[in-house]
N, C-alpha and C. Protein backbone atom coordinates (compact mmCIF):
# COMPACT_ATOMS: atom_id res chain seq x y z
N MET A 1 -13.11 -7.42 46.80
CA MET A 1 -13.25 -8.52 45.87
C MET A 1 -12.46 -9.72 46.39
N ASN A 2 -13.07 -10.86 46.32
CA ASN A 2 -12.41 -12.09 46.73
C ASN A 2 -11.28 -12.40 45.75
N PRO A 3 -10.02 -12.47 46.24
CA PRO A 3 -8.90 -12.74 45.33
C PRO A 3 -8.94 -14.13 44.71
N ASP A 4 -9.75 -15.01 45.25
CA ASP A 4 -9.85 -16.36 44.70
C ASP A 4 -10.99 -16.49 43.70
N ARG A 5 -11.60 -15.38 43.38
CA ARG A 5 -12.66 -15.28 42.38
C ARG A 5 -13.88 -16.11 42.70
N ASN A 6 -14.05 -17.24 42.08
CA ASN A 6 -15.32 -17.97 42.18
C ASN A 6 -15.22 -19.22 43.04
N THR A 7 -14.34 -19.23 43.98
CA THR A 7 -14.21 -20.40 44.85
C THR A 7 -14.16 -19.96 46.31
N LYS A 8 -14.56 -20.82 47.17
CA LYS A 8 -14.56 -20.52 48.61
C LYS A 8 -13.26 -20.93 49.29
N VAL A 9 -12.42 -21.66 48.58
CA VAL A 9 -11.16 -22.12 49.15
C VAL A 9 -9.99 -21.46 48.44
N PRO A 10 -8.89 -21.25 49.14
CA PRO A 10 -7.71 -20.64 48.50
C PRO A 10 -7.20 -21.51 47.35
N THR A 11 -6.78 -20.87 46.30
CA THR A 11 -6.26 -21.56 45.12
C THR A 11 -4.74 -21.41 45.05
N ALA A 12 -4.13 -22.15 44.17
CA ALA A 12 -2.68 -22.03 43.96
C ALA A 12 -2.33 -20.60 43.53
N TRP A 13 -3.19 -20.02 42.74
CA TRP A 13 -2.95 -18.64 42.30
C TRP A 13 -2.90 -17.71 43.51
N ARG A 14 -3.74 -17.96 44.51
CA ARG A 14 -3.76 -17.14 45.73
C ARG A 14 -2.44 -17.23 46.46
N TRP A 15 -1.83 -18.41 46.50
CA TRP A 15 -0.54 -18.54 47.19
C TRP A 15 0.52 -17.68 46.52
N LEU A 16 0.49 -17.62 45.19
CA LEU A 16 1.45 -16.79 44.48
C LEU A 16 1.21 -15.31 44.76
N ILE A 17 -0.03 -14.90 44.81
CA ILE A 17 -0.34 -13.51 45.13
C ILE A 17 0.18 -13.16 46.52
N ILE A 18 0.01 -14.06 47.47
CA ILE A 18 0.52 -13.82 48.82
C ILE A 18 2.04 -13.69 48.81
N ILE A 19 2.72 -14.57 48.09
CA ILE A 19 4.18 -14.52 48.02
C ILE A 19 4.63 -13.20 47.42
N GLN A 20 3.98 -12.75 46.38
CA GLN A 20 4.42 -11.54 45.68
C GLN A 20 3.97 -10.25 46.36
N ARG A 21 2.80 -10.27 46.99
CA ARG A 21 2.25 -9.01 47.48
C ARG A 21 1.60 -9.11 48.86
N GLY A 22 1.87 -10.19 49.57
CA GLY A 22 1.20 -10.44 50.83
C GLY A 22 1.74 -9.65 52.01
N SER A 23 0.97 -9.67 53.06
CA SER A 23 1.38 -9.03 54.31
C SER A 23 2.25 -10.00 55.11
N THR A 24 2.88 -9.49 56.13
CA THR A 24 3.70 -10.34 56.99
C THR A 24 2.85 -11.46 57.60
N GLU A 25 1.65 -11.13 58.02
CA GLU A 25 0.76 -12.14 58.62
C GLU A 25 0.40 -13.22 57.59
N GLU A 26 0.13 -12.82 56.36
CA GLU A 26 -0.18 -13.81 55.32
C GLU A 26 1.03 -14.69 55.04
N TRP A 27 2.22 -14.10 55.00
CA TRP A 27 3.44 -14.89 54.80
C TRP A 27 3.65 -15.89 55.92
N ARG A 28 3.40 -15.46 57.16
CA ARG A 28 3.57 -16.34 58.30
C ARG A 28 2.63 -17.55 58.20
N LYS A 29 1.38 -17.29 57.87
CA LYS A 29 0.41 -18.39 57.74
C LYS A 29 0.78 -19.32 56.59
N LEU A 30 1.21 -18.75 55.48
CA LEU A 30 1.62 -19.58 54.34
C LEU A 30 2.84 -20.43 54.71
N TYR A 31 3.80 -19.83 55.39
CA TYR A 31 4.99 -20.58 55.80
C TYR A 31 4.62 -21.74 56.72
N GLU A 32 3.71 -21.52 57.63
CA GLU A 32 3.27 -22.60 58.52
C GLU A 32 2.67 -23.75 57.72
N ARG A 33 1.87 -23.43 56.73
CA ARG A 33 1.28 -24.49 55.89
C ARG A 33 2.34 -25.21 55.08
N CYS A 34 3.41 -24.51 54.74
CA CYS A 34 4.48 -25.10 53.92
C CYS A 34 5.34 -26.10 54.69
N GLN A 35 5.09 -26.28 55.98
CA GLN A 35 5.80 -27.30 56.73
C GLN A 35 5.35 -28.69 56.29
N ASP A 36 4.18 -28.76 55.69
CA ASP A 36 3.68 -29.99 55.09
C ASP A 36 4.33 -30.13 53.71
N ARG A 37 5.02 -31.21 53.48
CA ARG A 37 5.79 -31.36 52.23
C ARG A 37 4.91 -31.29 50.99
N ALA A 38 3.76 -31.92 51.00
CA ALA A 38 2.89 -31.90 49.81
C ALA A 38 2.45 -30.48 49.49
N PHE A 39 2.13 -29.72 50.51
CA PHE A 39 1.73 -28.33 50.28
C PHE A 39 2.92 -27.51 49.79
N ALA A 40 4.10 -27.75 50.37
CA ALA A 40 5.31 -27.05 49.94
C ALA A 40 5.61 -27.34 48.47
N GLU A 41 5.38 -28.57 48.02
CA GLU A 41 5.61 -28.92 46.62
C GLU A 41 4.66 -28.15 45.71
N LEU A 42 3.41 -27.99 46.13
CA LEU A 42 2.45 -27.20 45.36
C LEU A 42 2.92 -25.75 45.24
N VAL A 43 3.32 -25.17 46.35
CA VAL A 43 3.78 -23.78 46.33
C VAL A 43 5.05 -23.66 45.49
N ALA A 44 5.93 -24.64 45.55
CA ALA A 44 7.15 -24.62 44.75
C ALA A 44 6.83 -24.58 43.25
N ARG A 45 5.85 -25.36 42.83
CA ARG A 45 5.46 -25.35 41.41
C ARG A 45 4.86 -24.00 41.02
N VAL A 46 4.11 -23.40 41.92
CA VAL A 46 3.46 -22.12 41.65
C VAL A 46 4.48 -21.00 41.47
N LEU A 47 5.63 -21.09 42.14
CA LEU A 47 6.63 -20.03 42.04
C LEU A 47 7.11 -19.81 40.61
N ALA A 48 7.04 -20.83 39.78
CA ALA A 48 7.45 -20.68 38.38
C ALA A 48 6.52 -19.74 37.62
N TRP A 49 5.32 -19.51 38.14
CA TRP A 49 4.35 -18.64 37.47
C TRP A 49 4.56 -17.16 37.79
N ARG A 50 5.49 -16.86 38.67
CA ARG A 50 5.66 -15.50 39.16
C ARG A 50 5.92 -14.51 38.04
N ASP A 51 5.61 -13.27 38.34
CA ASP A 51 5.91 -12.16 37.43
C ASP A 51 7.43 -12.04 37.37
N PRO A 52 8.03 -11.95 36.17
CA PRO A 52 9.48 -11.84 36.08
C PRO A 52 10.05 -10.66 36.87
N ASP A 53 9.29 -9.58 36.95
CA ASP A 53 9.76 -8.41 37.69
C ASP A 53 9.75 -8.63 39.20
N LEU A 54 9.06 -9.67 39.65
CA LEU A 54 8.96 -9.92 41.08
C LEU A 54 9.80 -11.12 41.53
N LEU A 55 10.83 -11.42 40.76
CA LEU A 55 11.73 -12.52 41.13
C LEU A 55 12.31 -12.35 42.54
N PRO A 56 12.70 -11.14 42.95
CA PRO A 56 13.25 -11.01 44.31
C PRO A 56 12.29 -11.49 45.41
N SER A 57 10.99 -11.41 45.19
CA SER A 57 10.06 -11.89 46.22
C SER A 57 9.98 -13.41 46.23
N ALA A 58 10.37 -14.05 45.13
CA ALA A 58 10.30 -15.51 45.05
C ALA A 58 11.56 -16.18 45.60
N ARG A 59 12.70 -15.54 45.51
CA ARG A 59 13.95 -16.16 45.95
C ARG A 59 13.94 -16.57 47.42
N PRO A 60 13.50 -15.71 48.34
CA PRO A 60 13.47 -16.17 49.74
C PRO A 60 12.53 -17.35 49.94
N TRP A 61 11.44 -17.37 49.19
CA TRP A 61 10.50 -18.48 49.33
C TRP A 61 11.10 -19.78 48.83
N ALA A 62 11.94 -19.72 47.83
CA ALA A 62 12.61 -20.94 47.36
C ALA A 62 13.42 -21.53 48.52
N PHE A 63 14.15 -20.68 49.23
CA PHE A 63 14.92 -21.16 50.38
C PHE A 63 14.00 -21.68 51.47
N LEU A 64 12.93 -20.94 51.78
CA LEU A 64 12.01 -21.33 52.85
C LEU A 64 11.32 -22.67 52.56
N LEU A 65 11.17 -22.99 51.29
CA LEU A 65 10.56 -24.27 50.91
C LEU A 65 11.58 -25.40 50.89
N GLU A 66 12.77 -25.11 50.38
CA GLU A 66 13.78 -26.16 50.23
C GLU A 66 14.45 -26.54 51.55
N ASP A 67 14.64 -25.57 52.43
CA ASP A 67 15.38 -25.82 53.67
C ASP A 67 14.75 -26.92 54.54
N PRO A 68 13.46 -26.86 54.84
CA PRO A 68 12.89 -27.92 55.70
C PRO A 68 12.56 -29.21 54.97
N HIS A 69 12.68 -29.20 53.64
CA HIS A 69 12.30 -30.38 52.85
C HIS A 69 13.46 -30.80 51.95
N PRO A 70 14.39 -31.59 52.48
CA PRO A 70 15.52 -32.05 51.66
C PRO A 70 15.03 -32.74 50.39
N GLY A 71 15.67 -32.40 49.31
CA GLY A 71 15.31 -33.00 48.03
C GLY A 71 14.31 -32.18 47.22
N LEU A 72 13.63 -31.25 47.87
CA LEU A 72 12.70 -30.39 47.14
C LEU A 72 13.50 -29.34 46.39
N LYS A 73 13.27 -29.21 45.09
CA LYS A 73 13.99 -28.25 44.26
C LYS A 73 12.99 -27.28 43.65
N VAL A 74 13.16 -26.01 43.92
CA VAL A 74 12.28 -24.97 43.38
C VAL A 74 12.91 -24.42 42.10
N ASP A 75 12.17 -24.49 41.00
CA ASP A 75 12.63 -23.96 39.72
C ASP A 75 12.01 -22.57 39.55
N LEU A 76 12.82 -21.53 39.75
CA LEU A 76 12.31 -20.16 39.62
C LEU A 76 12.33 -19.66 38.18
N ARG A 77 12.92 -20.45 37.29
CA ARG A 77 13.00 -20.05 35.88
C ARG A 77 13.56 -18.63 35.76
N GLU A 78 14.70 -18.43 36.39
CA GLU A 78 15.29 -17.10 36.43
C GLU A 78 15.66 -16.57 35.05
N SER A 79 15.83 -17.45 34.08
CA SER A 79 16.17 -16.99 32.74
C SER A 79 14.95 -16.43 31.99
N HIS A 80 13.76 -16.69 32.53
CA HIS A 80 12.54 -16.15 31.91
C HIS A 80 12.34 -14.73 32.38
N THR A 81 12.63 -13.78 31.53
CA THR A 81 12.58 -12.38 31.94
C THR A 81 11.39 -11.62 31.35
N HIS A 82 10.53 -12.32 30.62
CA HIS A 82 9.36 -11.67 30.02
C HIS A 82 8.10 -12.38 30.48
N PRO A 83 7.06 -11.62 30.80
CA PRO A 83 5.79 -12.25 31.19
C PRO A 83 5.32 -13.23 30.12
N GLY A 84 4.83 -14.37 30.55
CA GLY A 84 4.31 -15.37 29.63
C GLY A 84 5.36 -16.24 28.99
N ALA A 85 6.64 -16.01 29.31
CA ALA A 85 7.71 -16.81 28.69
C ALA A 85 7.85 -18.15 29.35
């Protein structure tokens, strides 16, 4: 099944799925795309949607996004511990 459902192009939701459950190769490709600041900002916003139980998978990505892009701040909403909160 296509993880992007009814579209031919990757969606923001797909980036979050890769962050939470992706392979090393998928992470590498996503990281390369994140060298573009606009794309990194999109991925940073998507991280707030993460499953609360999968916060540990989001923390390294916050660093990987913020480090090459000074001024970019990733809000992981760490205080949100329940899905949908």
